[in-house]
C-alpha atoms as a PDB file:
ATOM      1  CA  MET A   1      -0.096  -0.316   0.175  1.00  0.00           C
ATOM      2  CA  PHE A   2       1.161   3.844  -0.727  1.00  0.00           C
ATOM      3  CA  THR A   3       2.860   5.308   2.344  1.00  0.00           C
ATOM      4  CA  PHE A   4       1.695   9.254   1.759  1.00  0.00           C
ATOM      5  CA  LEU A   5       4.632  11.978   1.779  1.00  0.00           C
ATOM      6  CA  ARG A   6       3.948  15.972   2.017  1.00  0.00           C
ATOM      7  CA  ARG A   7       6.665  16.975  -0.061  1.00  0.00           C
ATOM      8  CA  ARG A   8       5.847  20.599   0.556  1.00  0.00           C
ATOM      9  CA  LEU A   9       5.938  20.034   3.900  1.00  0.00           C
ATOM     10  CA  THR A  10       9.074  18.122   3.729  1.00  0.00           C
ATOM     11  CA  GLU A  11      10.558  20.769   2.136  1.00  0.00           C
ATOM     12  CA  ARG A  12       9.476  23.434   4.578  1.00  0.00           C
ATOM     13  CA  ALA A  13      10.580  21.196   7.895  1.00  0.00           C
ATOM     14  CA  GLU A  14      14.017  20.819   6.154  1.00  0.00           C
ATOM     15  CA  ARG A  15      14.458  24.676   5.266  1.00  0.00           C
ATOM     16  CA  ALA A  16      13.407  24.900   9.069  1.00  0.00           C
ATOM     17  CA  ALA A  17      15.625  22.790  10.334  1.00  0.00           C
ATOM     18  CA  GLY A  18      18.751  24.500   8.278  1.00  0.00           C
ATOM     19  CA  GLN A  19      18.150  27.711   9.364  1.00  0.00           C
ATOM     20  CA  GLN A  20      17.407  26.681  13.298  1.00  0.00           C
ATOM     21  CA  ALA A  21      21.188  25.096  12.835  1.00  0.00           C
ATOM     22  CA  ALA A  22      24.472  26.703  14.159  1.00  0.00           C
ATOM     23  CA  PRO A  23      26.809  27.477  10.710  1.00  0.00           C
ATOM     24  CA  GLY A  24      29.190  24.538  10.314  1.00  0.00           C
ATOM     25  CA  LEU A  25      26.839  21.997  12.313  1.00  0.00           C
ATOM     26  CA  GLU A  26      25.061  19.582  10.844  1.00  0.00           C
ATOM     27  CA  VAL A  27      22.036  19.062  11.411  1.00  0.00           C
ATOM     28  CA  GLN A  28      21.186  14.781  12.437  1.00  0.00           C
ATOM     29  CA  ALA A  29      17.481  13.590  12.352  1.00  0.00           C
ATOM     30  CA  GLN A  30      16.374  12.264  16.087  1.00  0.00           C
ATOM     31  CA  VAL A  31      15.421   8.729  15.922  1.00  0.00           C
ATOM     32  CA  PRO A  32      12.414   8.107  18.363  1.00  0.00           C
ATOM     33  CA  ALA A  33      13.188   6.045  21.277  1.00  0.00           C
ATOM     34  CA  ARG A  34      11.778   2.451  21.026  1.00  0.00           C
ATOM     35  CA  PRO A  35       8.620   2.336  23.354  1.00  0.00           C
ATOM     36  CA  ASN A  36       9.342   0.273  26.619  1.00  0.00           C
ATOM     37  CA  PRO A  37       7.060  -2.948  26.794  1.00  0.00           C
ATOM     38  CA  LEU A  38       6.332  -2.510  30.379  1.00  0.00           C
ATOM     39  CA  GLN A  39       5.506   0.925  29.883  1.00  0.00           C
ATOM     40  CA  VAL A  40       3.181   0.357  27.654  1.00  0.00           C
ATOM     41  CA  LEU A  41       1.472  -2.710  29.471  1.00  0.00           C
ATOM     42  CA  ARG A  42       0.810  -0.409  32.442  1.00  0.00           C
ATOM     43  CA  ARG A  43      -0.561   2.236  29.989  1.00  0.00           C
ATOM     44  CA  LEU A  44      -3.254   0.319  28.006  1.00  0.00           C
ATOM     45  CA  GLU A  45      -4.360  -1.802  31.793  1.00  0.00           C
ATOM     46  CA  TRP A  46      -4.815   1.814  33.132  1.00  0.00           C
ATOM     47  CA  THR A  47      -6.369   3.237  29.767  1.00  0.00           C
ATOM     48  CA  VAL A  48      -7.817   0.170  28.443  1.00  0.00           C
ATOM     49  CA  ILE A  49      -7.971  -3.063  29.922  1.00  0.00           C
ATOM     50  CA  LYS A  50      -9.554  -1.984  33.512  1.00  0.00           C
ATOM     51  CA  ARG A  51     -12.247  -0.374  31.296  1.00  0.00           C
ATOM     52  CA  LEU A  52     -13.169  -3.157  29.112  1.00  0.00           C
ATOM     53  CA  ASP A  53     -12.644  -5.103  32.338  1.00  0.00           C
ATOM     54  CA  GLY A  54     -15.492  -3.471  34.265  1.00  0.00           C
ATOM     55  CA  GLN A  55     -18.050  -3.319  31.256  1.00  0.00           C
ATOM     56  CA  LEU A  56     -17.459  -7.039  29.231  1.00  0.00           C
ATOM     57  CA  GLN A  57     -18.702  -8.593  32.336  1.00  0.00           C
ATOM     58  CA  GLY A  58     -21.019 -11.650  31.116  1.00  0.00           C
ATOM     59  CA  ASP A  59     -19.845 -11.124  27.404  1.00  0.00           C
ATOM     60  CA  TYR A  60     -16.597 -13.446  28.014  1.00  0.00           C
ATOM     61  CA  ARG A  61     -18.583 -16.422  26.851  1.00  0.00           C
ATOM     62  CA  SER A  62     -20.159 -14.433  23.976  1.00  0.00           C
ATOM     63  CA  LEU A  63     -16.362 -13.774  22.337  1.00  0.00           C
ATOM     64  CA  PHE A  64     -14.635 -17.084  22.812  1.00  0.00           C
ATOM     65  CA  ARG A  65     -15.608 -20.595  23.153  1.00  0.00           C
ATOM     66  CA  GLY A  66     -13.838 -23.370  25.409  1.00  0.00           C
ATOM     67  CA  ALA A  67     -11.933 -26.642  23.299  1.00  0.00           C
ATOM     68  CA  GLY A  68     -13.586 -28.791  25.858  1.00  0.00           C
ATOM     69  CA  LEU A  69     -16.873 -29.764  27.660  1.00  0.00           C
ATOM     70  CA  VAL A  70     -18.184 -30.363  30.757  1.00  0.00           C
ATOM     71  CA  LEU A  71     -21.284 -32.704  31.337  1.00  0.00           C
ATOM     72  CA  ALA A  72     -23.654 -30.484  33.383  1.00  0.00           C
ATOM     73  CA  ASP A  73     -27.374 -32.237  32.984  1.00  0.00           C
ATOM     74  CA  LEU A  74     -29.602 -34.469  31.629  1.00  0.00           C
ATOM     75  CA  ARG A  75     -32.916 -34.219  30.022  1.00  0.00           C
ATOM     76  CA  GLU A  76     -35.455 -35.769  27.574  1.00  0.00           C
ATOM     77  CA  TYR A  77     -34.717 -35.607  24.175  1.00  0.00           C
ATOM     78  CA  GLN A  78     -36.852 -33.595  21.720  1.00  0.00           C
ATOM     79  CA  SER A  79     -37.110 -33.420  18.250  1.00  0.00           C
ATOM     80  CA  HIS A  80     -34.094 -30.322  17.388  1.00  0.00           C
ATOM     81  CA  ASP A  81     -31.763 -32.350  19.427  1.00  0.00           C
ATOM     82  CA  ASP A  82     -28.123 -33.233  17.712  1.00  0.00           C
ATOM     83  CA  VAL A  83     -28.441 -36.811  17.984  1.00  0.00           C
ATOM     84  CA  ARG A  84     -25.143 -37.346  18.696  1.00  0.00           C
ATOM     85  CA  HIS A  85     -25.546 -36.189  22.494  1.00  0.00           C
ATOM     86  CA  ILE A  86     -27.940 -39.048  23.304  1.00  0.00           C
ATOM     87  CA  ASP A  87     -26.804 -40.512  26.192  1.00  0.00           C
ATOM     88  CA  TRP A  88     -27.726 -44.156  25.076  1.00  0.00           C
ATOM     89  CA  ASN A  89     -26.882 -45.779  28.863  1.00  0.00           C
ATOM     90  CA  VAL A  90     -29.667 -43.427  30.685  1.00  0.00           C
ATOM     91  CA  THR A  91     -31.694 -44.228  27.475  1.00  0.00           C
ATOM     92  CA  ALA A  92     -31.658 -47.725  27.458  1.00  0.00           C
ATOM     93  CA  ARG A  93     -32.261 -47.666  31.724  1.00  0.00           C
ATOM     94  CA  MET A  94     -35.228 -45.229  31.073  1.00  0.00           C
ATOM     95  CA  GLN A  95     -36.643 -46.605  27.825  1.00  0.00           C
ATOM     96  CA  THR A  96     -36.664 -43.215  26.842  1.00  0.00           C
ATOM     97  CA  PRO A  97     -34.113 -41.303  24.968  1.00  0.00           C
ATOM     98  CA  TYR A  98     -32.243 -38.838  27.204  1.00  0.00           C
ATOM     99  CA  VAL A  99     -29.135 -36.425  26.325  1.00  0.00           C
ATOM    100  CA  ARG A 100     -26.394 -35.005  27.705  1.00  0.00           C
ATOM    101  CA  GLU A 101     -26.499 -30.883  28.221  1.00  0.00           C
ATOM    102  CA  HIS A 102     -22.585 -29.924  28.216  1.00  0.00           C
ATOM    103  CA  GLN A 103     -21.165 -26.598  30.081  1.00  0.00           C
ATOM    104  CA  GLU A 104     -18.396 -25.315  27.880  1.00  0.00           C
ATOM    105  CA  ASP A 105     -14.985 -25.135  29.467  1.00  0.00           C
ATOM    106  CA  ARG A 106     -13.856 -21.579  29.330  1.00  0.00           C
ATOM    107  CA  GLU A 107      -9.856 -22.397  29.390  1.00  0.00           C
ATOM    108  CA  VAL A 108      -8.820 -22.143  25.524  1.00  0.00           C
ATOM    109  CA  ALA A 109      -5.957 -21.368  23.761  1.00  0.00           C
ATOM    110  CA  ALA A 110      -5.799 -18.297  21.850  1.00  0.00           C
ATOM    111  CA  TRP A 111      -3.403 -17.884  19.249  1.00  0.00           C
ATOM    112  CA  PHE A 112      -2.786 -14.266  17.379  1.00  0.00           C
ATOM    113  CA  LEU A 113      -1.474 -14.263  13.556  1.00  0.00           C
ATOM    114  CA  VAL A 114      -0.164 -10.879  12.887  1.00  0.00           C
ATOM    115  CA  ASP A 115       0.881  -9.391   9.540  1.00  0.00           C
ATOM    116  CA  MET A 116       3.773  -6.983  10.279  1.00  0.00           C
ATOM    117  CA  SER A 117       4.894  -6.448   6.764  1.00  0.00           C
ATOM    118  CA  GLY A 118       5.273  -3.095   5.347  1.00  0.00           C
ATOM    119  CA  SER A 119       2.122  -1.828   4.631  1.00  0.00           C
ATOM    120  CA  VAL A 120       1.374  -2.441   8.503  1.00  0.00           C
ATOM    121  CA  HIS A 121       3.660  -0.034   9.516  1.00  0.00           C
ATOM    122  CA  PHE A 122       1.720   3.255   7.844  1.00  0.00           C
ATOM    123  CA  GLY A 123       0.295   5.554   9.705  1.00  0.00           C
ATOM    124  CA  SER A 124      -0.775   9.246   8.723  1.00  0.00           C
ATOM    125  CA  GLY A 125      -1.484  10.477  12.471  1.00  0.00           C
ATOM    126  CA  ALA A 126       0.256   9.775  15.743  1.00  0.00           C
ATOM    127  CA  VAL A 127      -0.394   6.111  15.730  1.00  0.00           C
ATOM    128  CA  SER A 128       0.606   3.731  13.182  1.00  0.00           C
ATOM    129  CA  LYS A 129      -1.335   0.481  12.177  1.00  0.00           C
ATOM    130  CA  ARG A 130       1.820  -1.869  13.584  1.00  0.00           C
ATOM    131  CA  GLN A 131       1.636   0.132  16.503  1.00  0.00           C
ATOM    132  CA  LEU A 132      -2.274  -0.276  16.884  1.00  0.00           C
ATOM    133  CA  ALA A 133      -1.343  -4.045  16.213  1.00  0.00           C
ATOM    134  CA  ALA A 134       0.488  -4.498  19.213  1.00  0.00           C
ATOM    135  CA  GLU A 135      -1.774  -2.533  21.441  1.00  0.00           C
ATOM    136  CA  ALA A 136      -4.656  -4.619  20.147  1.00  0.00           C
ATOM    137  CA  VAL A 137      -2.748  -7.924  21.003  1.00  0.00           C
ATOM    138  CA  THR A 138      -1.499  -7.151  24.586  1.00  0.00           C
ATOM    139  CA  VAL A 139      -5.205  -5.928  25.573  1.00  0.00           C
ATOM    140  CA  LEU A 140      -6.860  -9.221  24.054  1.00  0.00           C
ATOM    141  CA  ALA A 141      -4.228 -11.293  25.779  1.00  0.00           C
ATOM    142  CA  ARG A 142      -4.273  -9.681  29.009  1.00  0.00           C
ATOM    143  CA  LEU A 143      -8.294  -9.955  28.790  1.00  0.00           C
ATOM    144  CA  LEU A 144      -7.588 -13.686  27.853  1.00  0.00           C
ATOM    145  CA  SER A 145      -4.790 -14.813  30.148  1.00  0.00           C
ATOM    146  CA  GLN A 146      -5.993 -12.963  33.608  1.00  0.00           C
ATOM    147  CA  HIS A 147      -9.003 -15.880  32.741  1.00  0.00           C
ATOM    148  CA  GLY A 148      -6.094 -18.873  32.995  1.00  0.00           C
ATOM    149  CA  ASN A 149      -5.844 -19.337  29.375  1.00  0.00           C
ATOM    150  CA  ARG A 150      -2.958 -19.605  27.108  1.00  0.00           C
ATOM    151  CA  VAL A 151      -1.500 -17.171  24.623  1.00  0.00           C
ATOM    152  CA  GLY A 152       0.271 -17.730  21.546  1.00  0.00           C
ATOM    153  CA  VAL A 153       1.798 -15.499  18.658  1.00  0.00           C
ATOM    154  CA  MET A 154       3.068 -15.950  15.245  1.00  0.00           C
ATOM    155  CA  LEU A 155       4.542 -12.919  13.579  1.00  0.00           C
ATOM    156  CA  PHE A 156       5.148 -12.572   9.625  1.00  0.00           C
ATOM    157  CA  SER A 157       6.656  -9.916   7.797  1.00  0.00           C
ATOM    158  CA  GLY A 158       5.335 -10.786   4.132  1.00  0.00           C
ATOM    159  CA  THR A 159       9.032 -11.661   2.863  1.00  0.00           C
ATOM    160  CA  GLN A 160       9.679 -14.588   4.072  1.00  0.00           C
ATOM    161  CA  VAL A 161       7.936 -18.439   3.020  1.00  0.00           C
ATOM    162  CA  ARG A 162       7.037 -18.821   6.772  1.00  0.00           C
ATOM    163  CA  ALA A 163       6.441 -17.144  10.366  1.00  0.00           C
ATOM    164  CA  GLU A 164       9.935 -15.375  11.528  1.00  0.00           C
ATOM    165  CA  VAL A 165       8.706 -15.625  15.492  1.00  0.00           C
ATOM    166  CA  LEU A 166       6.593 -18.564  16.258  1.00  0.00           C
ATOM    167  CA  VAL A 167       5.863 -18.066  20.490  1.00  0.00           C
ATOM    168  CA  PRO A 168       4.043 -21.283  21.871  1.00  0.00           C
ATOM    169  CA  ALA A 169       1.119 -20.880  23.950  1.00  0.00           C
ATOM    170  CA  ARG A 170       1.490 -19.832  27.240  1.00  0.00           C
ATOM    171  CA  SER A 171       0.350 -17.882  30.152  1.00  0.00           C
ATOM    172  CA  GLY A 172       1.414 -15.183  32.695  1.00  0.00           C
ATOM    173  CA  ARG A 173       2.433 -11.598  32.679  1.00  0.00           C
ATOM    174  CA  ARG A 174       6.028 -12.360  32.032  1.00  0.00           C
ATOM    175  CA  HIS A 175       5.031 -14.177  28.748  1.00  0.00           C
ATOM    176  CA  LEU A 176       3.087 -11.240  27.834  1.00  0.00           C
ATOM    177  CA  LEU A 177       5.845  -9.052  28.239  1.00  0.00           C
ATOM    178  CA  HIS A 178       7.478 -10.846  25.964  1.00  0.00           C
ATOM    179  CA  VAL A 179       4.959 -11.619  23.568  1.00  0.00           C
ATOM    180  CA  LEU A 180       4.764  -7.103  23.729  1.00  0.00           C
ATOM    181  CA  GLN A 181       8.627  -6.543  23.234  1.00  0.00           C
ATOM    182  CA  LEU A 182       8.569  -8.962  20.050  1.00  0.00           C
ATOM    183  CA  MET A 183       6.269  -7.438  18.654  1.00  0.00           C
ATOM    184  CA  LEU A 184       7.536  -3.793  19.041  1.00  0.00           C
ATOM    185  CA  SER A 185      10.983  -4.903  18.060  1.00  0.00           C
ATOM    186  CA  ASP A 186      12.349  -5.259  14.511  1.00  0.00           C
ATOM    187  CA  LEU A 187      12.183  -9.041  13.256  1.00  0.00           C
ATOM    188  CA  PRO A 188      14.645 -10.816  11.940  1.00  0.00           C
ATOM    189  CA  THR A 189      14.237  -9.748   8.464  1.00  0.00           C
ATOM    190  CA  ALA A 190      13.386  -6.154   9.105  1.00  0.00           C
ATOM    191  CA  GLY A 191      16.470  -5.491   7.262  1.00  0.00           C
ATOM    192  CA  THR A 192      15.803  -7.618   4.385  1.00  0.00           C
ATOM    193  CA  ARG A 193      15.073  -5.055   1.314  1.00  0.00           C
ATOM    194  CA  PRO A 194      11.737  -5.556  -0.868  1.00  0.00           C
ATOM    195  CA  THR A 195      11.596  -7.240  -4.328  1.00  0.00           C
ATOM    196  CA  ALA A 196      10.031  -5.648  -7.272  1.00  0.00           C
ATOM    197  CA  GLY A 197       6.671  -6.414  -7.552  1.00  0.00           C
ATOM    198  CA  THR A 198       6.468  -8.602  -4.576  1.00  0.00           C
ATOM    199  CA  THR A 199       3.547  -8.117  -2.125  1.00  0.00           C
ATOM    200  CA  THR A 200       2.266 -10.280   1.292  1.00  0.00           C
ATOM    201  CA  ASP A 201       0.472 -13.660   0.878  1.00  0.00           C
ATOM    202  CA  LEU A 202      -1.291 -14.139   4.130  1.00  0.00           C
ATOM    203  CA  ARG A 203      -2.133 -17.705   2.541  1.00  0.00           C
ATOM    204  CA  VAL A 204       1.732 -18.391   3.582  1.00  0.00           C
ATOM    205  CA  LEU A 205       0.820 -17.664   7.351  1.00  0.00           C
ATOM    206  CA  LEU A 206      -2.939 -19.347   7.350  1.00  0.00           C
ATOM    207  CA  SER A 207      -0.850 -22.503   5.991  1.00  0.00           C
ATOM    208  CA  GLN A 208       1.750 -22.521   8.581  1.00  0.00           C
ATOM    209  CA  ALA A 209      -0.756 -21.775  11.011  1.00  0.00           C
ATOM    210  CA  GLN A 210      -3.088 -25.257  10.060  1.00  0.00           C
ATOM    211  CA  ALA A 211       0.155 -27.013  10.734  1.00  0.00           C
ATOM    212  CA  VAL A 212       1.283 -25.349  14.017  1.00  0.00           C
ATOM    213  CA  ILE A 213      -2.338 -25.274  15.858  1.00  0.00           C
ATOM    214  CA  ARG A 214      -3.448 -28.725  15.674  1.00  0.00           C
ATOM    215  CA  ARG A 215      -5.795 -28.914  18.791  1.00  0.00           C
ATOM    216  CA  ARG A 216      -8.918 -26.517  18.760  1.00  0.00           C
ATOM    217  CA  ALA A 217      -7.987 -23.004  19.584  1.00  0.00           C
ATOM    218  CA  SER A 218      -9.476 -19.176  19.013  1.00  0.00           C
ATOM    219  CA  ILE A 219      -7.446 -17.721  16.272  1.00  0.00           C
ATOM    220  CA  PHE A 220      -7.195 -13.867  16.000  1.00  0.00           C
ATOM    221  CA  LEU A 221      -5.980 -13.118  12.513  1.00  0.00           C
ATOM    222  CA  VAL A 222      -4.417  -9.466  12.685  1.00  0.00           C
ATOM    223  CA  SER A 223      -3.859  -7.296   9.012  1.00  0.00           C
ATOM    224  CA  ASP A 224      -4.805  -5.119   7.153  1.00  0.00           C
ATOM    225  CA  PHE A 225      -5.514  -7.401   4.308  1.00  0.00           C
ATOM    226  CA  ILE A 226      -3.553  -5.865   1.990  1.00  0.00           C
ATOM    227  CA  THR A 227      -2.623  -8.757  -0.257  1.00  0.00           C
ATOM    228  CA  GLN A 228      -2.262 -10.909  -2.584  1.00  0.00           C
ATOM    229  CA  PRO A 229      -5.442 -12.349  -3.477  1.00  0.00           C
ATOM    230  CA  ASP A 230      -6.917 -15.985  -2.939  1.00  0.00           C
ATOM    231  CA  TRP A 231      -6.905 -15.792   0.677  1.00  0.00           C
ATOM    232  CA  HIS A 232     -10.152 -17.096   1.796  1.00  0.00           C
ATOM    233  CA  ALA A 233     -10.003 -20.938   0.703  1.00  0.00           C
ATOM    234  CA  PRO A 234      -7.073 -21.495   3.394  1.00  0.00           C
ATOM    235  CA  LEU A 235      -8.796 -18.865   5.978  1.00  0.00           C
ATOM    236  CA  SER A 236     -11.685 -20.778   5.318  1.00  0.00           C
ATOM    237  CA  GLN A 237     -10.233 -24.070   6.350  1.00  0.00           C
ATOM    238  CA  LEU A 238      -8.693 -22.818   9.500  1.00  0.00           C
ATOM    239  CA  ALA A 239     -12.149 -21.777  10.648  1.00  0.00           C
ATOM    240  CA  ARG A 240     -13.597 -25.211  10.204  1.00  0.00           C
ATOM    241  CA  ARG A 241     -11.266 -26.268  12.650  1.00  0.00           C
ATOM    242  CA  HIS A 242     -10.738 -22.889  15.033  1.00  0.00           C
ATOM    243  CA  GLU A 243     -12.694 -20.294  16.293  1.00  0.00           C
ATOM    244  CA  VAL A 244     -11.661 -17.237  13.952  1.00  0.00           C
ATOM    245  CA  VAL A 245     -11.663 -13.729  14.412  1.00  0.00           C
ATOM    246  CA  ALA A 246     -10.624 -10.942  12.061  1.00  0.00           C
ATOM    247  CA  ILE A 247      -9.221  -8.008  13.059  1.00  0.00           C
ATOM    248  CA  ARG A 248      -8.552  -5.156  10.416  1.00  0.00           C
ATOM    249  CA  LEU A 249      -6.435  -2.788  10.761  1.00  0.00           C
ATOM    250  CA  ARG A 250      -7.839   0.261   8.963  1.00  0.00           C
ATOM    251  CA  ASP A 251      -5.857   4.151   8.397  1.00  0.00           C
ATOM    252  CA  ARG A 252      -8.137   6.748   6.695  1.00  0.00           C
ATOM    253  CA  LEU A 253      -6.115   8.056   4.928  1.00  0.00           C
ATOM    254  CA  GLU A 254      -5.784   4.393   2.656  1.00  0.00           C
ATOM    255  CA  GLN A 255      -9.635   5.766   2.184  1.00  0.00           C
ATOM    256  CA  GLU A 256      -9.527   8.481   0.136  1.00  0.00           C
ATOM    257  CA  ILE A 257      -6.958  11.002  -1.445  1.00  0.00           C
ATOM    258  CA  PRO A 258      -6.491  14.455   0.764  1.00  0.00           C
ATOM    259  CA  ASN A 259      -6.809  17.888  -1.721  1.00  0.00           C
ATOM    260  CA  VAL A 260      -2.953  18.924  -0.581  1.00  0.00           C
ATOM    261  CA  GLY A 261      -1.296  19.456  -4.206  1.00  0.00           C
ATOM    262  CA  LEU A 262       1.199  17.193  -5.024  1.00  0.00           C
ATOM    263  CA  LEU A 263       1.662  13.677  -3.328  1.00  0.00           C
ATOM    264  CA  LEU A 264       4.706  11.387  -3.755  1.00  0.00           C
ATOM    265  CA  MET A 265       3.449   7.843  -2.952  1.00  0.00           C
ATOM    266  CA  GLN A 266       5.560   5.272  -2.088  1.00  0.00           C
ATOM    267  CA  ASP A 267       4.361   1.515  -1.488  1.00  0.00           C
ATOM    268  CA  ALA A 268       5.697   0.727   1.699  1.00  0.00           C
ATOM    269  CA  GLU A 269       6.480  -3.145   0.132  1.00  0.00           C
ATOM    270  CA  THR A 270       7.965  -2.639  -2.820  1.00  0.00           C
ATOM    271  CA  GLY A 271       9.225   0.187  -2.696  1.00  0.00           C
ATOM    272  CA  GLU A 272       8.085   2.177  -5.926  1.00  0.00           C
ATOM    273  CA  GLN A 273       6.922   5.506  -6.453  1.00  0.00           C
ATOM    274  CA  LEU A 274       4.656   7.666  -8.231  1.00  0.00           C
ATOM    275  CA  LEU A 275       3.998  11.544  -7.814  1.00  0.00           C
ATOM    276  CA  VAL A 276       0.163  12.240  -8.015  1.00  0.00           C
ATOM    277  CA  ASP A 277      -1.446  15.350  -8.137  1.00  0.00           C
ATOM    278  CA  GLY A 278      -4.246  15.323  -5.103  1.00  0.00           C
ATOM    279  CA  ASN A 279      -5.868  18.223  -6.506  1.00  0.00           C
ATOM    280  CA  ASP A 280      -7.173  16.824  -9.374  1.00  0.00           C
ATOM    281  CA  ALA A 281     -11.343  15.811  -8.544  1.00  0.00           C
ATOM    282  CA  GLY A 282     -11.532  12.821 -10.669  1.00  0.00           C
ATOM    283  CA  PHE A 283      -7.844  11.176  -9.530  1.00  0.00           C
ATOM    284  CA  ARG A 284      -9.204  11.489  -6.121  1.00  0.00           C
ATOM    285  CA  ALA A 285     -13.034  10.063  -6.719  1.00  0.00           C
ATOM    286  CA  ARG A 286     -11.258   7.069  -8.852  1.00  0.00           C
ATOM    287  CA  PHE A 287      -9.265   6.222  -5.817  1.00  0.00           C
ATOM    288  CA  ALA A 288     -12.253   6.330  -3.833  1.00  0.00           C
ATOM    289  CA  HIS A 289     -13.825   4.249  -5.939  1.00  0.00           C
ATOM    290  CA  ILE A 290     -11.140   1.464  -6.016  1.00  0.00           C
ATOM    291  CA  ALA A 291     -10.648   1.304  -2.259  1.00  0.00           C
ATOM    292  CA  ALA A 292     -14.959   0.862  -1.784  1.00  0.00           C
ATOM    293  CA  GLU A 293     -14.483  -1.953  -4.420  1.00  0.00           C
ATOM    294  CA  ARG A 294     -11.248  -3.294  -2.071  1.00  0.00           C
ATOM    295  CA  GLU A 295     -13.990  -2.799   0.854  1.00  0.00           C
ATOM    296  CA  ASN A 296     -16.565  -4.669  -0.482  1.00  0.00           C
ATOM    297  CA  LEU A 297     -14.302  -7.642  -1.733  1.00  0.00           C
ATOM    298  CA  LEU A 298     -12.503  -8.085   1.786  1.00  0.00           C
ATOM    299  CA  ARG A 299     -16.215  -7.892   3.261  1.00  0.00           C
ATOM    300  CA  GLN A 300     -17.566 -11.002   0.929  1.00  0.00           C
ATOM    301  CA  GLY A 301     -14.087 -12.809   1.666  1.00  0.00           C
ATOM    302  CA  LEU A 302     -14.508 -12.583   5.620  1.00  0.00           C
ATOM    303  CA  THR A 303     -18.452 -13.326   4.932  1.00  0.00           C
ATOM    304  CA  ARG A 304     -17.603 -16.474   2.345  1.00  0.00           C
ATOM    305  CA  ALA A 305     -14.997 -17.653   5.416  1.00  0.00           C
ATOM    306  CA  GLY A 306     -17.714 -17.133   8.054  1.00  0.00           C
ATOM    307  CA  VAL A 307     -15.472 -15.167  10.373  1.00  0.00           C
ATOM    308  CA  ASP A 308     -16.409 -11.873  12.235  1.00  0.00           C
ATOM    309  CA  CYS A 309     -14.035  -9.000  11.804  1.00  0.00           C
ATOM    310  CA  LEU A 310     -12.763  -6.736  14.560  1.00  0.00           C
ATOM    311  CA  GLU A 311     -12.269  -3.316  12.840  1.00  0.00           C
ATOM    312  CA  LEU A 312      -9.231  -1.160  14.136  1.00  0.00           C
ATOM    313  CA  THR A 313      -8.886   2.199  13.007  1.00  0.00           C
ATOM    314  CA  THR A 314      -5.654   4.213  13.856  1.00  0.00           C
ATOM    315  CA  ASP A 315      -7.900   7.260  14.928  1.00  0.00           C
ATOM    316  CA  GLU A 316     -10.136   5.500  17.265  1.00  0.00           C
ATOM    317  CA  PRO A 317      -9.517   4.368  20.700  1.00  0.00           C
ATOM    318  CA  LEU A 318      -9.414   0.906  21.524  1.00  0.00           C
ATOM    319  CA  ASP A 319     -11.720   0.032  23.977  1.00  0.00           C
ATOM    320  CA  GLN A 320     -14.719   1.737  22.031  1.00  0.00           C
ATOM    321  CA  ALA A 321     -13.778  -0.342  18.770  1.00  0.00           C
ATOM    322  CA  ILE A 322     -13.615  -3.702  20.821  1.00  0.00           C
ATOM    323  CA  LEU A 323     -16.915  -3.006  22.755  1.00  0.00           C
ATOM    324  CA  ARG A 324     -18.585  -2.454  19.662  1.00  0.00           C
ATOM    325  CA  PHE A 325     -17.513  -5.791  18.244  1.00  0.00           C
ATOM    326  CA  THR A 326     -18.657  -7.289  21.283  1.00  0.00           C
ATOM    327  CA  GLN A 327     -22.213  -5.749  21.351  1.00  0.00           C
ATOM    328  CA  LEU A 328     -22.350  -6.874  17.602  1.00  0.00           C
ATOM    329  CA  ARG A 329     -21.214 -10.279  18.138  1.00  0.00           C
ATOM    330  CA  LYS A 330     -23.622 -10.689  21.170  1.00  0.00           C
ATOM    331  CA  ARG A 331     -26.427  -9.342  19.345  1.00  0.00           C
ATOM    332  CA  ALA A 332     -25.698 -11.949  16.656  1.00  0.00           C
ATOM    333  CA  SER A 333     -25.594 -14.858  18.636  1.00  0.00           C
ATOM    334  CA  GLN A 334     -29.075 -14.270  20.295  1.00  0.00           C
ATOM    335  CA  MET A 335     -30.952 -13.666  16.991  1.00  0.00           C
ATOM    336  CA  ALA A 336     -29.402 -16.916  16.180  1.00  0.00           C
ATOM    337  CA  GLN A 337     -30.320 -18.569  18.908  1.00  0.00           C
ATOM    338  CA  GLY A 338     -33.654 -17.091  18.999  1.00  0.00           C
ATOM    339  CA  ALA A 339     -33.929 -18.529  15.311  1.00  0.00           C
ATOM    340  CA  GLY A 340     -33.283 -21.548  16.628  1.00  0.00           C
ATOM    341  CA  ALA A 341     -36.427 -21.308  18.867  1.00  0.00           C
ATOM    342  CA  ALA A 342     -38.499 -20.590  16.710  1.00  0.00           C
ATOM    343  CA  ARG A 343     -37.670 -23.308  14.343  1.00  0.00           C
ATOM    344  CA  ALA A 344     -38.068 -25.488  16.976  1.00  0.00           C
END
């Protein structure tokens, strides 16, 4: 995806820096310090996690399904019951079909498949999509691990034939800090220059996840979905065995071109550059139309795969987006239960 560079503002900033510098001294760009994982986790605990933990009471069941089942009760068979739940021993003794009612084991293994390709580094404001991904994974992993669940992570740069970092599913605060540090650091191949014409292929990450994650788990695919096509089939296959939620990273500048004059646009993955005129209304309209078409194709692909999508935008508070997603998912679950009861 193209990274937007304001040529006029850049030149103005360079001139201002040159005027402020003393004669004969070289102006050196200051590299921003890498965030401290412990400080980031503490900030998220106070600003997001505590708020969500108080408002998500009772919604935990609607968000994640456990892998195990615990026998809760026995009752007589009804016409809408699944015959696989019939307890044949009790049925033989009572001479009447009885079915088992189960209670799901809430302890699940959660896996985060994180796309950390070049396009994820883009951000038009103070927060980039990569920072948003790190915070979202930290918040969800913290909410899951405090209930005793294990969390695993796969980090994928998009330039290799497999994920560069694979962290086995574990629990605990130290494990969470380790995951956060990995997401805030550069991947082993971060210095690799992209090859012309190459873009991220999520099929590689999804295929590896199918081979690595054997037991049923809750899987979160964190990506901006700027990838090569035909990723719907492997995602659908993964969703047949596991509970999969797509976490889409967005920036509003990717949907429309601002009216700010000449723009130098650079593809963050291939390095290709293109000079465009932001004052051209026809170009802005064509760009918005193509972005809308891509949006429709993405939503159709997720629907075909049977995967719910959590939309995260770089300029929206994280807790509001998660709360909106939980409310929508809980409402959909209630409507499905109501439809099933009506058919019965």
